[in-house]
Amino acid sequence: QVQLVESGGGLVQPGGSLRLSCAASGFAFSSAAMSWYRQVPGNERELVARIIAFVGITNYADFVKGRFTISRDNAKNTVYLEMNSLKPEDTAMYYCNAVLRGLSYWGKGTLVTVSS
């Protein structure tokens, strides 16, 4: 079955960095569009970054442009989110998402807390 397992979250000081990973299994990873979303309790889940299958085109939410980088390793069935210059407002649960042939799959999330 499809599995998306996020890791790499944690507590970091403002201005710090974290690298999130999402290990995928159970589907044709290289054919899927992969994304990172985030959600704060009481708010809707919002798109952070997306990387398209095959051509690797990326797009980012305005609030992370220049600070976050999404990448994928199709050989390892893994998508990454490199987060730099973190701000307290980046604190959220971060979720990995895969879209393939119109079907959407979600991981359980990894918590990122930015605080001094």
C-alpha atoms as a PDB file:
ATOM      1  CA  GLN A   1       0.000   0.000   0.000  1.00  0.00           C
ATOM      2  CA  VAL A   2       1.019   3.627  -0.397  1.00  0.00           C
ATOM      3  CA  GLN A   3       3.145   4.980   2.421  1.00  0.00           C
ATOM      4  CA  LEU A   4       4.626   8.421   2.929  1.00  0.00           C
ATOM      5  CA  VAL A   5       6.797   8.776   6.010  1.00  0.00           C
ATOM      6  CA  GLU A   6       8.084  12.201   6.981  1.00  0.00           C
ATOM      7  CA  SER A   7      11.087  12.792   9.191  1.00  0.00           C
ATOM      8  CA  GLY A   8      13.491  15.560  10.156  1.00  0.00           C
ATOM      9  CA  GLY A   9      11.232  17.861  12.131  1.00  0.00           C
ATOM     10  CA  GLY A  10      12.165  19.248  15.496  1.00  0.00           C
ATOM     11  CA  LEU A  11      12.906  22.340  17.538  1.00  0.00           C
ATOM     12  CA  VAL A  12      15.145  24.965  15.956  1.00  0.00           C
ATOM     13  CA  GLN A  13      16.035  28.545  16.818  1.00  0.00           C
ATOM     14  CA  PRO A  14      14.981  31.436  14.591  1.00  0.00           C
ATOM     15  CA  GLY A  15      17.435  31.765  11.718  1.00  0.00           C
ATOM     16  CA  GLY A  16      18.280  28.090  11.867  1.00  0.00           C
ATOM     17  CA  SER A  17      17.873  25.297   9.337  1.00  0.00           C
ATOM     18  CA  LEU A  18      16.198  21.939   9.060  1.00  0.00           C
ATOM     19  CA  ARG A  19      15.975  19.320   6.347  1.00  0.00           C
ATOM     20  CA  LEU A  20      12.762  17.340   6.081  1.00  0.00           C
ATOM     21  CA  SER A  21      12.605  13.998   4.291  1.00  0.00           C
ATOM     22  CA  CYS A  22       9.663  12.015   2.991  1.00  0.00           C
ATOM     23  CA  ALA A  23      10.259   8.362   2.174  1.00  0.00           C
ATOM     24  CA  ALA A  24       7.702   6.980  -0.272  1.00  0.00           C
ATOM     25  CA  SER A  25       6.689   3.437  -1.092  1.00  0.00           C
ATOM     26  CA  GLY A  26       3.880   1.519  -2.766  1.00  0.00           C
ATOM     27  CA  PHE A  27       3.564   3.603  -5.931  1.00  0.00           C
ATOM     28  CA  ALA A  28       5.517   4.822  -8.942  1.00  0.00           C
ATOM     29  CA  PHE A  29       7.341   7.622  -7.153  1.00  0.00           C
ATOM     30  CA  SER A  30       9.120   9.029 -10.195  1.00  0.00           C
ATOM     31  CA  SER A  31       5.758   9.596 -11.913  1.00  0.00           C
ATOM     32  CA  ALA A  32       4.171  11.466  -9.012  1.00  0.00           C
ATOM     33  CA  ALA A  33       4.033  15.164  -8.300  1.00  0.00           C
ATOM     34  CA  MET A  34       5.395  15.582  -4.780  1.00  0.00           C
ATOM     35  CA  SER A  35       4.594  18.432  -2.445  1.00  0.00           C
ATOM     36  CA  TRP A  36       5.099  19.686   1.079  1.00  0.00           C
ATOM     37  CA  TYR A  37       2.198  21.294   2.904  1.00  0.00           C
ATOM     38  CA  ARG A  38       1.978  22.715   6.386  1.00  0.00           C
ATOM     39  CA  GLN A  39      -0.776  23.281   8.881  1.00  0.00           C
ATOM     40  CA  VAL A  40      -1.160  25.179  12.105  1.00  0.00           C
ATOM     41  CA  PRO A  41      -4.029  24.160  14.421  1.00  0.00           C
ATOM     42  CA  GLY A  42      -7.138  26.112  13.511  1.00  0.00           C
ATOM     43  CA  ASN A  43      -5.856  26.968  10.039  1.00  0.00           C
ATOM     44  CA  GLU A  44      -6.228  25.280   6.679  1.00  0.00           C
ATOM     45  CA  ARG A  45      -3.428  23.172   5.306  1.00  0.00           C
ATOM     46  CA  GLU A  46      -1.359  25.280   2.900  1.00  0.00           C
ATOM     47  CA  LEU A  47       0.998  24.421   0.080  1.00  0.00           C
ATOM     48  CA  VAL A  48       4.653  25.109   0.818  1.00  0.00           C
ATOM     49  CA  ALA A  49       6.423  23.704  -2.238  1.00  0.00           C
ATOM     50  CA  ARG A  50       5.845  21.299  -5.124  1.00  0.00           C
ATOM     51  CA  ILE A  51       8.104  19.420  -7.503  1.00  0.00           C
ATOM     52  CA  ILE A  52       6.681  17.984 -10.697  1.00  0.00           C
ATOM     53  CA  ALA A  53       7.458  14.494 -11.968  1.00  0.00           C
ATOM     54  CA  PHE A  54      10.116  13.885 -14.603  1.00  0.00           C
ATOM     55  CA  VAL A  55      11.054  17.484 -15.488  1.00  0.00           C
ATOM     56  CA  GLY A  56      11.499  18.491 -11.860  1.00  0.00           C
ATOM     57  CA  ILE A  57       9.874  21.893 -12.174  1.00  0.00           C
ATOM     58  CA  THR A  58       9.362  23.449  -8.768  1.00  0.00           C
ATOM     59  CA  ASN A  59       7.085  26.082  -7.357  1.00  0.00           C
ATOM     60  CA  TYR A  60       6.927  27.694  -3.943  1.00  0.00           C
ATOM     61  CA  ALA A  61       4.573  29.633  -1.777  1.00  0.00           C
ATOM     62  CA  ASP A  62       5.584  33.285  -1.601  1.00  0.00           C
ATOM     63  CA  PHE A  63       6.226  33.053   2.121  1.00  0.00           C
ATOM     64  CA  VAL A  64       9.085  30.536   1.613  1.00  0.00           C
ATOM     65  CA  LYS A  65      10.650  31.727  -1.653  1.00  0.00           C
ATOM     66  CA  GLY A  66      14.373  32.136  -1.287  1.00  0.00           C
ATOM     67  CA  ARG A  67      14.451  30.255   2.014  1.00  0.00           C
ATOM     68  CA  PHE A  68      13.148  26.737   1.276  1.00  0.00           C
ATOM     69  CA  THR A  69      14.212  24.301  -1.440  1.00  0.00           C
ATOM     70  CA  ILE A  70      12.330  21.185  -2.505  1.00  0.00           C
ATOM     71  CA  SER A  71      14.160  18.349  -4.225  1.00  0.00           C
ATOM     72  CA  ARG A  72      13.637  14.691  -5.018  1.00  0.00           C
ATOM     73  CA  ASP A  73      15.785  11.593  -5.390  1.00  0.00           C
ATOM     74  CA  ASN A  74      13.902   9.148  -7.570  1.00  0.00           C
ATOM     75  CA  ALA A  75      16.480   6.436  -6.931  1.00  0.00           C
ATOM     76  CA  LYS A  76      15.705   6.636  -3.209  1.00  0.00           C
ATOM     77  CA  ASN A  77      11.972   7.359  -3.566  1.00  0.00           C
ATOM     78  CA  THR A  78      12.466  10.361  -1.334  1.00  0.00           C
ATOM     79  CA  VAL A  79      11.523  14.030  -1.462  1.00  0.00           C
ATOM     80  CA  TYR A  80      13.260  16.636   0.650  1.00  0.00           C
ATOM     81  CA  LEU A  81      12.542  20.094   1.946  1.00  0.00           C
ATOM     82  CA  GLU A  82      15.585  22.136   2.878  1.00  0.00           C
ATOM     83  CA  MET A  83      14.476  24.957   5.164  1.00  0.00           C
ATOM     84  CA  ASN A  84      16.794  27.877   5.918  1.00  0.00           C
ATOM     85  CA  SER A  85      16.384  31.183   7.724  1.00  0.00           C
ATOM     86  CA  LEU A  86      13.530  29.728   9.692  1.00  0.00           C
ATOM     87  CA  LYS A  87      11.079  32.071  11.377  1.00  0.00           C
ATOM     88  CA  PRO A  88       8.720  31.498  14.304  1.00  0.00           C
ATOM     89  CA  GLU A  89       5.820  31.719  11.854  1.00  0.00           C
ATOM     90  CA  ASP A  90       7.178  28.619  10.086  1.00  0.00           C
ATOM     91  CA  THR A  91       6.138  26.600  13.120  1.00  0.00           C
ATOM     92  CA  ALA A  92       3.651  23.990  11.894  1.00  0.00           C
ATOM     93  CA  MET A  93       3.059  20.349  11.154  1.00  0.00           C
ATOM     94  CA  TYR A  94       4.614  19.625   7.770  1.00  0.00           C
ATOM     95  CA  TYR A  95       3.011  17.026   5.541  1.00  0.00           C
ATOM     96  CA  CYS A  96       4.252  15.193   2.475  1.00  0.00           C
ATOM     97  CA  ASN A  97       1.809  14.769  -0.409  1.00  0.00           C
ATOM     98  CA  ALA A  98       1.916  12.681  -3.563  1.00  0.00           C
ATOM     99  CA  VAL A  99      -0.423  13.057  -6.527  1.00  0.00           C
ATOM    100  CA  LEU A 100      -0.485  10.340  -9.153  1.00  0.00           C
ATOM    101  CA  ARG A 101      -3.174   9.696 -11.774  1.00  0.00           C
ATOM    102  CA  GLY A 102      -5.618  11.959  -9.954  1.00  0.00           C
ATOM    103  CA  LEU A 103      -5.157  10.272  -6.585  1.00  0.00           C
ATOM    104  CA  SER A 104      -3.723  12.151  -3.618  1.00  0.00           C
ATOM    105  CA  TYR A 105      -1.815  10.551  -0.766  1.00  0.00           C
ATOM    106  CA  TRP A 106      -0.680  12.039   2.542  1.00  0.00           C
ATOM    107  CA  GLY A 107       1.838  11.263   5.200  1.00  0.00           C
ATOM    108  CA  LYS A 108       1.187  11.701   8.917  1.00  0.00           C
ATOM    109  CA  GLY A 109       3.381  14.757   9.217  1.00  0.00           C
ATOM    110  CA  THR A 110       6.437  15.937  11.097  1.00  0.00           C
ATOM    111  CA  LEU A 111       6.364  18.824  13.555  1.00  0.00           C
ATOM    112  CA  VAL A 112       8.613  21.828  13.061  1.00  0.00           C
ATOM    113  CA  THR A 113       8.906  24.284  15.933  1.00  0.00           C
ATOM    114  CA  VAL A 114      10.875  27.501  15.511  1.00  0.00           C
ATOM    115  CA  SER A 115      11.470  29.129  18.860  1.00  0.00           C
ATOM    116  CA  SER A 116      14.210  30.615  20.987  1.00  0.00           C
END
